[in-house]
């Protein structure tokens, strides 16, 4: 998910106007990056929690 976000951001940054990742205040690109990282981490946590005995 995070790699997909990065590819979309690179394309949008190259085609559209320059949009830096700002953390103070958080802009739209940074908010979606935080969301993508959170989804990646929660998916890894959910898959790793099941054990076969």
N, C-alpha and C. Protein backbone atom coordinates (compact mmCIF):
# COMPACT_ATOMS: atom_id res chain seq x y z
N UNK A 1 0.83 -1.18 0.00
CA UNK A 1 0.00 0.00 0.00
C UNK A 1 0.87 1.25 0.00
N UNK A 2 1.92 1.24 0.81
CA UNK A 2 2.79 2.41 0.88
C UNK A 2 3.55 2.62 -0.42
N UNK A 3 3.96 1.53 -1.06
CA UNK A 3 4.66 1.65 -2.35
C UNK A 3 3.71 2.19 -3.41
N UNK A 4 2.47 1.73 -3.40
CA UNK A 4 1.47 2.25 -4.33
C UNK A 4 1.26 3.74 -4.10
N UNK A 5 1.18 4.17 -2.84
CA UNK A 5 1.03 5.59 -2.52
C UNK A 5 2.21 6.38 -3.08
N UNK A 6 3.42 5.84 -2.90
CA UNK A 6 4.61 6.53 -3.37
C UNK A 6 4.61 6.70 -4.90
N UNK A 7 4.19 5.68 -5.61
CA UNK A 7 4.12 5.77 -7.08
C UNK A 7 3.10 6.82 -7.50
N UNK A 8 1.94 6.82 -6.86
CA UNK A 8 0.92 7.83 -7.18
C UNK A 8 1.43 9.22 -6.88
N UNK A 9 2.11 9.39 -5.74
CA UNK A 9 2.64 10.71 -5.38
C UNK A 9 3.70 11.17 -6.38
N UNK A 10 4.59 10.25 -6.80
CA UNK A 10 5.61 10.62 -7.79
C UNK A 10 4.99 11.07 -9.10
N UNK A 11 3.99 10.35 -9.57
CA UNK A 11 3.32 10.72 -10.82
C UNK A 11 2.62 12.07 -10.66
N UNK A 12 1.89 12.24 -9.57
CA UNK A 12 1.17 13.50 -9.35
C UNK A 12 2.14 14.67 -9.19
N UNK A 13 3.28 14.42 -8.54
CA UNK A 13 4.27 15.48 -8.35
C UNK A 13 4.95 15.84 -9.66
N UNK A 14 5.16 14.86 -10.52
CA UNK A 14 5.80 15.12 -11.81
C UNK A 14 4.86 15.82 -12.79
N UNK A 15 3.61 15.40 -12.81
CA UNK A 15 2.64 15.95 -13.77
C UNK A 15 2.06 17.26 -13.27
N UNK A 16 1.64 17.28 -12.02
CA UNK A 16 1.01 18.48 -11.45
C UNK A 16 2.05 19.41 -10.86
N UNK A 17 1.59 20.27 -9.98
CA UNK A 17 2.49 21.20 -9.31
C UNK A 17 3.29 20.50 -8.22
N UNK A 18 4.39 21.10 -7.84
CA UNK A 18 5.23 20.55 -6.77
C UNK A 18 4.47 20.62 -5.45
N UNK A 19 4.37 19.48 -4.77
CA UNK A 19 3.66 19.42 -3.49
C UNK A 19 4.53 18.70 -2.48
N UNK A 20 5.20 19.44 -1.60
CA UNK A 20 6.05 18.79 -0.60
C UNK A 20 5.24 18.10 0.48
N UNK A 21 5.88 17.18 1.18
CA UNK A 21 5.24 16.50 2.31
C UNK A 21 5.47 17.36 3.54
N UNK A 22 4.41 17.93 4.06
CA UNK A 22 4.51 18.82 5.21
C UNK A 22 3.91 18.14 6.44
N UNK A 23 4.62 18.21 7.56
CA UNK A 23 4.14 17.61 8.79
C UNK A 23 3.65 18.65 9.80
N UNK A 24 3.88 19.92 9.55
CA UNK A 24 3.40 20.95 10.46
C UNK A 24 2.96 22.17 9.66
N UNK A 25 1.74 22.34 9.30
CA UNK A 25 0.59 21.46 9.49
C UNK A 25 0.59 20.33 8.45
N UNK A 26 -0.12 19.29 8.74
CA UNK A 26 -0.18 18.13 7.84
C UNK A 26 -1.03 18.48 6.62
N UNK A 27 -0.47 18.22 5.43
CA UNK A 27 -1.24 18.44 4.21
C UNK A 27 -1.88 17.12 3.77
N UNK A 28 -2.61 17.15 2.68
CA UNK A 28 -3.35 15.98 2.21
C UNK A 28 -2.45 14.80 1.86
N UNK A 29 -1.30 15.08 1.22
CA UNK A 29 -0.40 13.99 0.85
C UNK A 29 0.19 13.32 2.08
N UNK A 30 0.55 14.09 3.07
CA UNK A 30 1.12 13.52 4.29
C UNK A 30 0.08 12.72 5.05
N UNK A 31 -1.15 13.20 5.08
CA UNK A 31 -2.22 12.48 5.76
C UNK A 31 -2.48 11.13 5.10
N UNK A 32 -2.47 11.09 3.77
CA UNK A 32 -2.68 9.81 3.10
C UNK A 32 -1.48 8.89 3.26
N UNK A 33 -0.28 9.44 3.38
CA UNK A 33 0.90 8.61 3.66
C UNK A 33 0.79 7.96 5.04
N UNK A 34 0.39 8.73 6.03
CA UNK A 34 0.21 8.19 7.38
C UNK A 34 -0.87 7.10 7.37
N UNK A 35 -1.95 7.32 6.63
CA UNK A 35 -3.01 6.32 6.51
C UNK A 35 -2.48 5.05 5.85
N UNK A 36 -1.71 5.17 4.77
CA UNK A 36 -1.17 4.00 4.07
C UNK A 36 -0.22 3.21 4.96
N UNK A 37 0.63 3.89 5.71
CA UNK A 37 1.54 3.21 6.63
C UNK A 37 0.75 2.51 7.73
N UNK A 38 -0.25 3.16 8.26
CA UNK A 38 -1.09 2.55 9.29
C UNK A 38 -1.81 1.31 8.78
N UNK A 39 -2.32 1.36 7.56
CA UNK A 39 -2.98 0.19 6.99
C UNK A 39 -2.00 -0.95 6.77
N UNK A 40 -0.80 -0.64 6.31
CA UNK A 40 0.23 -1.67 6.12
C UNK A 40 0.59 -2.32 7.45
N UNK A 41 0.79 -1.52 8.47
CA UNK A 41 1.17 -2.08 9.78
C UNK A 41 0.04 -2.88 10.41
N UNK A 42 -1.19 -2.42 10.27
CA UNK A 42 -2.30 -3.16 10.86
C UNK A 42 -2.55 -4.47 10.12
N UNK A 43 -2.35 -4.48 8.81
CA UNK A 43 -2.51 -5.73 8.05
C UNK A 43 -1.45 -6.75 8.44
N UNK A 44 -0.22 -6.29 8.63
CA UNK A 44 0.86 -7.20 9.05
C UNK A 44 0.57 -7.73 10.45
N UNK A 45 0.05 -6.91 11.31
CA UNK A 45 -0.29 -7.34 12.67
C UNK A 45 -1.43 -8.35 12.66
N UNK A 46 -2.43 -8.12 11.83
CA UNK A 46 -3.58 -9.02 11.76
C UNK A 46 -3.19 -10.38 11.19
N UNK A 47 -2.33 -10.41 10.19
CA UNK A 47 -1.90 -11.69 9.60
C UNK A 47 -0.97 -12.45 10.53
N UNK A 48 -0.14 -11.75 11.29
CA UNK A 48 0.83 -12.39 12.15
C UNK A 48 0.24 -12.95 13.43
N UNK A 49 -0.98 -12.60 13.76
CA UNK A 49 -1.58 -13.01 15.03
C UNK A 49 -2.14 -14.43 15.04
N UNK A 50 -2.34 -15.03 13.88
CA UNK A 50 -2.94 -16.37 13.82
C UNK A 50 -1.83 -17.42 13.79
N UNK A 51 -1.98 -18.41 14.68
CA UNK A 51 -0.99 -19.49 14.74
C UNK A 51 -1.70 -20.82 14.57
N UNK A 52 -1.06 -21.73 13.86
CA UNK A 52 -1.58 -23.08 13.72
C UNK A 52 -0.89 -23.99 14.71
N UNK A 53 -1.64 -24.73 15.49
CA UNK A 53 -1.04 -25.63 16.48
C UNK A 53 -1.05 -27.05 16.01
